[in-house]
Amino acid sequence: MKKRKTTLPQDFLRDLAAHWPLAKGSLTFVHRPCIRPNCPACQRGEKHGAWIFTFRQGGKQRCRYVPKDFVERLRQAIANGRWLEAHMTETGAKLIEQYRQERAQRAKG
């Protein structure tokens, strides 16, 4: 495994700023009937298309409709959120490795 230097906090903050905005969840295009009782499209079986953002809040799954003009920005925020999760996972593994090295040095010295 390739050994890499532990990221300094200021490096992380710079990377985080470059990956702003952040979001955790999923974006899905769905077809649903509307709430209008006599909608001609729904009566023909043609449901209406809409973008939905699904996320967890307080342990419960939530959904929000997303305006068409906001879809690309939210899509990028979700990708940025996945970058952050991967970075945090990598950092956790690095912390353990760093701890083990420090413990081995203390045992020698």
Protein backbone atom coordinates (compact mmCIF):
# COMPACT_ATOMS: atom_id res chain seq x y z
CA MET A 1 0.00 0.00 0.00
CA LYS A 2 1.31 3.42 -0.92
CA LYS A 3 2.08 5.53 2.16
CA ARG A 4 0.77 9.08 2.02
CA LYS A 5 1.31 12.06 4.25
CA THR A 6 -1.51 12.82 6.67
CA THR A 7 -3.53 15.74 5.33
CA LEU A 8 -3.09 18.90 7.37
CA PRO A 9 -6.28 20.67 8.51
CA GLN A 10 -5.69 23.70 6.26
CA ASP A 11 -5.29 21.37 3.24
CA PHE A 12 -8.55 19.70 4.13
CA LEU A 13 -10.35 23.02 4.52
CA ARG A 14 -9.05 24.17 1.14
CA ASP A 15 -10.24 20.92 -0.47
CA LEU A 16 -13.57 21.17 1.30
CA ALA A 17 -14.11 24.73 0.04
CA ALA A 18 -13.32 23.54 -3.49
CA HIS A 19 -16.01 20.85 -3.16
CA TRP A 20 -18.76 23.12 -1.85
CA PRO A 21 -21.81 22.71 -1.71
CA LEU A 22 -22.26 19.28 -0.08
CA ALA A 23 -25.31 17.05 0.16
CA LYS A 24 -26.01 13.48 1.21
CA GLY A 25 -28.89 11.67 -0.43
CA SER A 26 -30.05 10.58 -3.86
CA LEU A 27 -31.68 12.26 -6.82
CA THR A 28 -34.29 10.38 -8.83
CA PHE A 29 -36.60 11.19 -11.71
CA VAL A 30 -40.08 9.77 -11.04
CA HIS A 31 -43.45 9.69 -12.79
CA ARG A 32 -46.40 10.28 -10.48
CA PRO A 33 -50.02 11.29 -10.80
CA CYS A 34 -50.82 14.81 -9.70
CA ILE A 35 -53.35 15.85 -7.07
CA ARG A 36 -55.84 17.45 -9.49
CA PRO A 37 -59.00 15.30 -9.55
CA ASN A 38 -59.77 15.72 -13.28
CA CYS A 39 -56.28 15.99 -14.78
CA PRO A 40 -56.55 14.86 -18.43
CA ALA A 41 -52.97 13.56 -18.49
CA CYS A 42 -53.46 11.45 -15.35
CA GLN A 43 -56.79 10.11 -16.65
CA ARG A 44 -54.98 8.90 -19.79
CA GLY A 45 -52.39 7.18 -17.59
CA GLU A 46 -49.69 9.71 -18.42
CA LYS A 47 -48.15 10.56 -15.09
CA HIS A 48 -46.18 13.73 -14.50
CA GLY A 49 -42.38 13.64 -14.34
CA ALA A 50 -40.57 15.21 -11.39
CA TRP A 51 -37.17 15.17 -9.72
CA ILE A 52 -37.09 13.93 -6.10
CA PHE A 53 -34.27 14.32 -3.57
CA THR A 54 -34.35 11.53 -0.97
CA PHE A 55 -32.39 11.83 2.27
CA ARG A 56 -32.42 10.75 5.92
CA GLN A 57 -33.25 13.17 8.69
CA GLY A 58 -33.47 12.10 12.33
CA GLY A 59 -33.44 8.43 11.28
CA LYS A 60 -36.43 8.88 8.96
CA GLN A 61 -36.40 8.91 5.19
CA ARG A 62 -37.56 12.21 3.69
CA CYS A 63 -38.20 13.38 0.14
CA ARG A 64 -38.32 16.82 -1.45
CA TYR A 65 -39.32 17.85 -4.94
CA VAL A 66 -36.46 19.53 -6.80
CA PRO A 67 -37.05 22.30 -9.35
CA LYS A 68 -35.68 21.45 -12.81
CA ASP A 69 -33.30 24.41 -12.80
CA PHE A 70 -31.74 23.21 -9.51
CA VAL A 71 -31.11 19.56 -10.52
CA GLU A 72 -27.54 20.03 -11.80
CA ARG A 73 -26.43 21.96 -8.74
CA LEU A 74 -27.91 19.32 -6.42
CA ARG A 75 -26.35 16.54 -8.48
CA GLN A 76 -22.93 18.18 -8.01
CA ALA A 77 -23.58 18.67 -4.27
CA ILE A 78 -24.35 14.93 -3.94
CA ALA A 79 -21.12 14.05 -5.79
CA ASN A 80 -19.24 16.41 -3.46
CA GLY A 81 -20.86 14.76 -0.45
CA ARG A 82 -19.66 11.36 -1.70
CA TRP A 83 -16.17 12.81 -2.04
CA LEU A 84 -16.33 13.94 1.61
CA GLU A 85 -17.52 10.52 2.82
CA ALA A 86 -14.69 8.79 0.95
CA HIS A 87 -12.20 11.31 2.38
CA MET A 88 -13.43 10.72 5.93
CA THR A 89 -13.16 6.94 5.50
CA GLU A 90 -9.60 7.30 4.19
CA THR A 91 -8.72 9.64 7.05
CA GLY A 92 -9.97 7.12 9.62
CA ALA A 93 -7.70 4.43 8.19
CA LYS A 94 -4.77 6.88 8.18
CA LEU A 95 -5.38 7.76 11.82
CA ILE A 96 -5.19 4.11 12.82
CA GLU A 97 -1.99 3.62 10.86
CA GLN A 98 -0.47 6.74 12.41
CA TYR A 99 -1.43 5.54 15.89
CA ARG A 100 0.19 2.14 15.26
CA GLN A 101 3.41 3.77 14.07
CA GLU A 102 3.55 6.06 17.09
CA ARG A 103 2.88 3.14 19.44
CA ALA A 104 5.68 1.11 17.80
CA GLN A 105 8.10 4.04 18.19
CA ARG A 106 7.20 4.42 21.88
CA ALA A 107 7.77 0.69 22.42
CA LYS A 108 11.25 0.96 20.84
CA GLY A 109 12.28 4.11 22.67
